[in-house]
C-alpha cells in the first residue's frame, strides 16, 4: 500500500477494524501513517479508548453501523417486546 502512495496512485492509507495494539505496531514500521480507521461505533459500542488513542495519533475514526449493528438492534427490540 505504501508503494501506491509513493507512486501517487492513492493519496492515503486507511485501516479497518484495527485496535490500539495493532495500530501501534503499524505506526512503528510504517513509512506513511494511516489517516483513518473504520470500526464499529455506536451507542452500544462507543470504543472510547480507541477514539482517544486515534485522536492522540491524529488518525480519524470512521463509524460503520453508527445506529448499531443488526445484533444490537435485534437484541434491543427483542428485550423491549419482552418488557411490554
N, C-alpha and C. Protein backbone atom coordinates (compact mmCIF):
# COMPACT_ATOMS: atom_id res chain seq x y z
N UNK A 1 0.82 -1.19 0.00
CA UNK A 1 0.00 0.00 0.00
C UNK A 1 0.87 1.26 0.00
N UNK A 2 1.96 1.21 0.73
CA UNK A 2 2.82 2.39 0.78
C UNK A 2 3.45 2.69 -0.58
N UNK A 3 3.71 1.66 -1.36
CA UNK A 3 4.22 1.88 -2.71
C UNK A 3 3.21 2.64 -3.57
N UNK A 4 1.93 2.38 -3.37
CA UNK A 4 0.90 3.10 -4.12
C UNK A 4 0.89 4.58 -3.77
N UNK A 5 1.14 4.89 -2.49
CA UNK A 5 1.24 6.30 -2.09
C UNK A 5 2.48 6.91 -2.74
N UNK A 6 3.61 6.21 -2.69
CA UNK A 6 4.85 6.71 -3.28
C UNK A 6 4.69 6.99 -4.77
N UNK A 7 3.94 6.14 -5.46
CA UNK A 7 3.74 6.30 -6.90
C UNK A 7 2.64 7.30 -7.25
N UNK A 8 1.97 7.81 -6.23
CA UNK A 8 0.92 8.80 -6.45
C UNK A 8 -0.39 8.20 -6.91
N UNK A 9 -0.55 6.89 -6.78
CA UNK A 9 -1.79 6.24 -7.22
C UNK A 9 -2.91 6.35 -6.19
N UNK A 10 -2.55 6.53 -4.93
CA UNK A 10 -3.52 6.78 -3.86
C UNK A 10 -2.99 7.91 -3.01
N UNK A 11 -3.91 8.63 -2.37
CA UNK A 11 -3.49 9.77 -1.55
C UNK A 11 -3.13 9.36 -0.13
N UNK A 12 -3.81 8.36 0.39
CA UNK A 12 -3.57 7.97 1.78
C UNK A 12 -3.97 6.53 2.01
N UNK A 13 -3.62 6.05 3.20
CA UNK A 13 -3.87 4.65 3.57
C UNK A 13 -4.84 4.64 4.75
N UNK A 14 -5.76 3.70 4.73
CA UNK A 14 -6.71 3.54 5.82
C UNK A 14 -6.66 2.13 6.38
N UNK A 15 -7.22 2.00 7.57
CA UNK A 15 -7.29 0.70 8.25
C UNK A 15 -8.76 0.36 8.47
N UNK A 16 -9.01 -0.89 8.79
CA UNK A 16 -10.37 -1.32 9.10
C UNK A 16 -10.32 -2.32 10.26
N UNK A 17 -11.04 -1.99 11.31
CA UNK A 17 -11.17 -2.85 12.49
C UNK A 17 -9.85 -3.10 13.21
N UNK A 18 -8.97 -2.13 13.23
CA UNK A 18 -7.71 -2.26 13.97
C UNK A 18 -7.90 -1.74 15.39
N UNK A 19 -7.34 -2.45 16.35
CA UNK A 19 -7.37 -1.99 17.74
C UNK A 19 -6.09 -1.22 18.05
N UNK A 20 -5.97 -0.73 19.28
CA UNK A 20 -4.82 0.10 19.66
C UNK A 20 -3.50 -0.63 19.47
N UNK A 21 -3.45 -1.87 19.88
CA UNK A 21 -2.20 -2.64 19.77
C UNK A 21 -1.79 -2.83 18.31
N UNK A 22 -2.74 -3.13 17.46
CA UNK A 22 -2.44 -3.33 16.04
C UNK A 22 -1.99 -2.02 15.39
N UNK A 23 -2.65 -0.92 15.74
CA UNK A 23 -2.26 0.37 15.18
C UNK A 23 -0.86 0.75 15.65
N UNK A 24 -0.56 0.49 16.90
CA UNK A 24 0.78 0.80 17.44
C UNK A 24 1.86 0.06 16.65
N UNK A 25 1.61 -1.20 16.35
CA UNK A 25 2.58 -1.97 15.56
C UNK A 25 2.76 -1.37 14.17
N UNK A 26 1.67 -0.95 13.56
CA UNK A 26 1.74 -0.32 12.24
C UNK A 26 2.55 0.98 12.32
N UNK A 27 2.28 1.79 13.33
CA UNK A 27 2.96 3.08 13.46
C UNK A 27 4.46 2.93 13.66
N UNK A 28 4.88 1.83 14.25
CA UNK A 28 6.31 1.60 14.48
C UNK A 28 7.07 1.29 13.19
N UNK A 29 6.40 0.76 12.19
CA UNK A 29 7.11 0.31 10.99
C UNK A 29 6.71 1.05 9.71
N UNK A 30 5.68 1.87 9.78
CA UNK A 30 5.16 2.46 8.53
C UNK A 30 5.98 3.64 8.05
N UNK A 31 5.93 3.82 6.76
CA UNK A 31 6.54 4.99 6.13
C UNK A 31 5.48 6.09 6.00
N UNK A 32 4.25 5.69 5.70
CA UNK A 32 3.12 6.61 5.58
C UNK A 32 2.08 6.22 6.63
N UNK A 33 1.84 7.12 7.56
CA UNK A 33 0.89 6.85 8.64
C UNK A 33 -0.53 6.73 8.09
N UNK A 34 -1.30 5.76 8.58
CA UNK A 34 -2.70 5.67 8.15
C UNK A 34 -3.47 6.90 8.63
N UNK A 35 -4.44 7.33 7.83
CA UNK A 35 -5.19 8.53 8.19
C UNK A 35 -6.58 8.21 8.75
N UNK A 36 -7.05 6.99 8.56
CA UNK A 36 -8.39 6.65 9.03
C UNK A 36 -8.43 5.18 9.46
N UNK A 37 -9.29 4.90 10.45
CA UNK A 37 -9.55 3.54 10.89
C UNK A 37 -11.07 3.38 10.94
N UNK A 38 -11.61 2.50 10.12
CA UNK A 38 -13.04 2.27 10.09
C UNK A 38 -13.38 1.15 11.06
N UNK A 39 -14.22 1.47 12.04
CA UNK A 39 -14.59 0.50 13.07
C UNK A 39 -16.08 0.63 13.40
N UNK A 40 -16.59 -0.37 14.08
CA UNK A 40 -17.98 -0.32 14.52
C UNK A 40 -18.07 0.58 15.75
N UNK A 41 -18.78 1.68 15.61
CA UNK A 41 -19.00 2.61 16.72
C UNK A 41 -20.48 2.98 16.73
N UNK A 42 -21.10 2.86 17.89
CA UNK A 42 -22.49 3.28 18.08
C UNK A 42 -22.75 3.33 19.58
N UNK A 43 -23.91 3.76 20.01
CA UNK A 43 -24.16 3.93 21.45
C UNK A 43 -23.93 2.68 22.29
N UNK A 44 -24.07 1.50 21.70
CA UNK A 44 -23.86 0.27 22.45
C UNK A 44 -22.41 -0.22 22.38
N UNK A 45 -21.62 0.41 21.55
CA UNK A 45 -20.21 0.04 21.37
C UNK A 45 -19.42 1.32 21.08
N UNK A 46 -19.24 2.19 22.09
CA UNK A 46 -18.66 3.51 21.83
C UNK A 46 -17.16 3.53 21.53
N UNK A 47 -16.40 2.54 21.94
CA UNK A 47 -14.97 2.45 21.66
C UNK A 47 -14.21 3.71 22.09
N UNK A 48 -14.44 4.15 23.31
CA UNK A 48 -13.87 5.40 23.80
C UNK A 48 -12.34 5.36 23.90
N UNK A 49 -11.79 4.24 24.33
CA UNK A 49 -10.33 4.14 24.43
C UNK A 49 -9.68 4.21 23.05
N UNK A 50 -10.29 3.55 22.08
CA UNK A 50 -9.77 3.60 20.71
C UNK A 50 -9.88 5.02 20.16
N UNK A 51 -10.97 5.70 20.45
CA UNK A 51 -11.14 7.08 19.99
C UNK A 51 -10.04 7.98 20.56
N UNK A 52 -9.76 7.84 21.85
CA UNK A 52 -8.70 8.62 22.49
C UNK A 52 -7.35 8.32 21.87
N UNK A 53 -7.06 7.05 21.66
CA UNK A 53 -5.79 6.64 21.06
C UNK A 53 -5.64 7.24 19.66
N UNK A 54 -6.69 7.13 18.87
CA UNK A 54 -6.62 7.64 17.49
C UNK A 54 -6.48 9.15 17.45
N UNK A 55 -7.16 9.86 18.34
CA UNK A 55 -7.00 11.31 18.40
C UNK A 55 -5.56 11.68 18.73
N UNK A 56 -4.97 10.95 19.67
CA UNK A 56 -3.58 11.19 20.06
C UNK A 56 -2.64 11.05 18.87
N UNK A 57 -2.93 10.11 17.99
CA UNK A 57 -2.07 9.84 16.84
C UNK A 57 -2.60 10.46 15.54
N UNK A 58 -3.58 11.34 15.66
CA UNK A 58 -4.16 12.04 14.52
C UNK A 58 -4.64 11.08 13.43
N UNK A 59 -5.36 10.05 13.87
CA UNK A 59 -5.99 9.10 12.96
C UNK A 59 -7.50 9.27 13.13
N UNK A 60 -8.19 9.51 12.03
CA UNK A 60 -9.64 9.68 12.08
C UNK A 60 -10.33 8.34 12.28
N UNK A 61 -11.43 8.35 13.00
CA UNK A 61 -12.27 7.16 13.11
C UNK A 61 -13.47 7.34 12.21
N UNK A 62 -13.77 6.31 11.46
CA UNK A 62 -14.97 6.31 10.63
C UNK A 62 -15.86 5.20 11.15
N UNK A 63 -17.10 5.54 11.47
CA UNK A 63 -18.02 4.57 12.04
C UNK A 63 -18.77 3.82 10.94
N UNK A 64 -18.82 2.51 11.10
CA UNK A 64 -19.83 1.78 10.34
C UNK A 64 -20.84 1.29 11.36
N UNK A 65 -22.05 1.15 10.95
CA UNK A 65 -23.17 0.81 11.83
C UNK A 65 -23.34 1.86 12.94
N UNK A 66 -23.38 3.17 12.60
CA UNK A 66 -23.47 4.19 13.64
C UNK A 66 -24.77 4.15 14.44
N UNK A 67 -25.79 3.49 13.91
CA UNK A 67 -27.03 3.34 14.67
C UNK A 67 -27.10 1.99 15.37
N UNK A 68 -26.05 1.21 15.26
CA UNK A 68 -25.99 -0.10 15.90
C UNK A 68 -26.02 -1.20 14.88
N UNK A 69 -25.29 -2.26 15.16
CA UNK A 69 -25.30 -3.41 14.25
C UNK A 69 -26.63 -4.14 14.38
N UNK A 70 -26.90 -4.99 13.45
CA UNK A 70 -28.18 -5.71 13.47
C UNK A 70 -28.34 -6.53 14.74
N UNK A 71 -27.24 -7.06 15.28
CA UNK A 71 -27.33 -7.83 16.52
C UNK A 71 -27.84 -6.96 17.66
N UNK A 72 -27.26 -5.78 17.82
CA UNK A 72 -27.67 -4.91 18.92
C UNK A 72 -29.09 -4.39 18.72
N UNK A 73 -29.45 -4.07 17.50
CA UNK A 73 -30.81 -3.59 17.23
C UNK A 73 -31.81 -4.70 17.53
N UNK A 74 -31.53 -5.92 17.07
CA UNK A 74 -32.41 -7.05 17.34
C UNK A 74 -32.53 -7.30 18.84
N UNK A 75 -31.39 -7.29 19.54
CA UNK A 75 -31.38 -7.54 20.98
C UNK A 75 -32.20 -6.48 21.71
N UNK A 76 -32.03 -5.20 21.34
CA UNK A 76 -32.74 -4.11 21.97
C UNK A 76 -34.24 -4.22 21.73
N UNK A 77 -34.63 -4.43 20.49
CA UNK A 77 -36.06 -4.53 20.14
C UNK A 77 -36.67 -5.75 20.81
N UNK A 78 -35.98 -6.88 20.80
CA UNK A 78 -36.50 -8.11 21.41
C UNK A 78 -36.73 -7.90 22.91
N UNK A 79 -35.80 -7.27 23.59
CA UNK A 79 -35.93 -7.03 25.03
C UNK A 79 -37.04 -6.04 25.33
N UNK A 80 -37.26 -5.06 24.46
CA UNK A 80 -38.37 -4.14 24.67
C UNK A 80 -39.70 -4.86 24.59
N UNK A 81 -39.83 -5.76 23.62
CA UNK A 81 -41.07 -6.52 23.46
C UNK A 81 -41.32 -7.41 24.67
N UNK A 82 -40.25 -7.98 25.23
CA UNK A 82 -40.41 -8.84 26.41
C UNK A 82 -40.90 -8.03 27.61
N UNK A 83 -40.51 -6.77 27.72
CA UNK A 83 -40.87 -5.96 28.86
C UNK A 83 -42.30 -5.45 28.78
N UNK A 84 -42.90 -5.40 27.60
CA UNK A 84 -44.24 -4.83 27.46
C UNK A 84 -45.31 -5.82 27.78
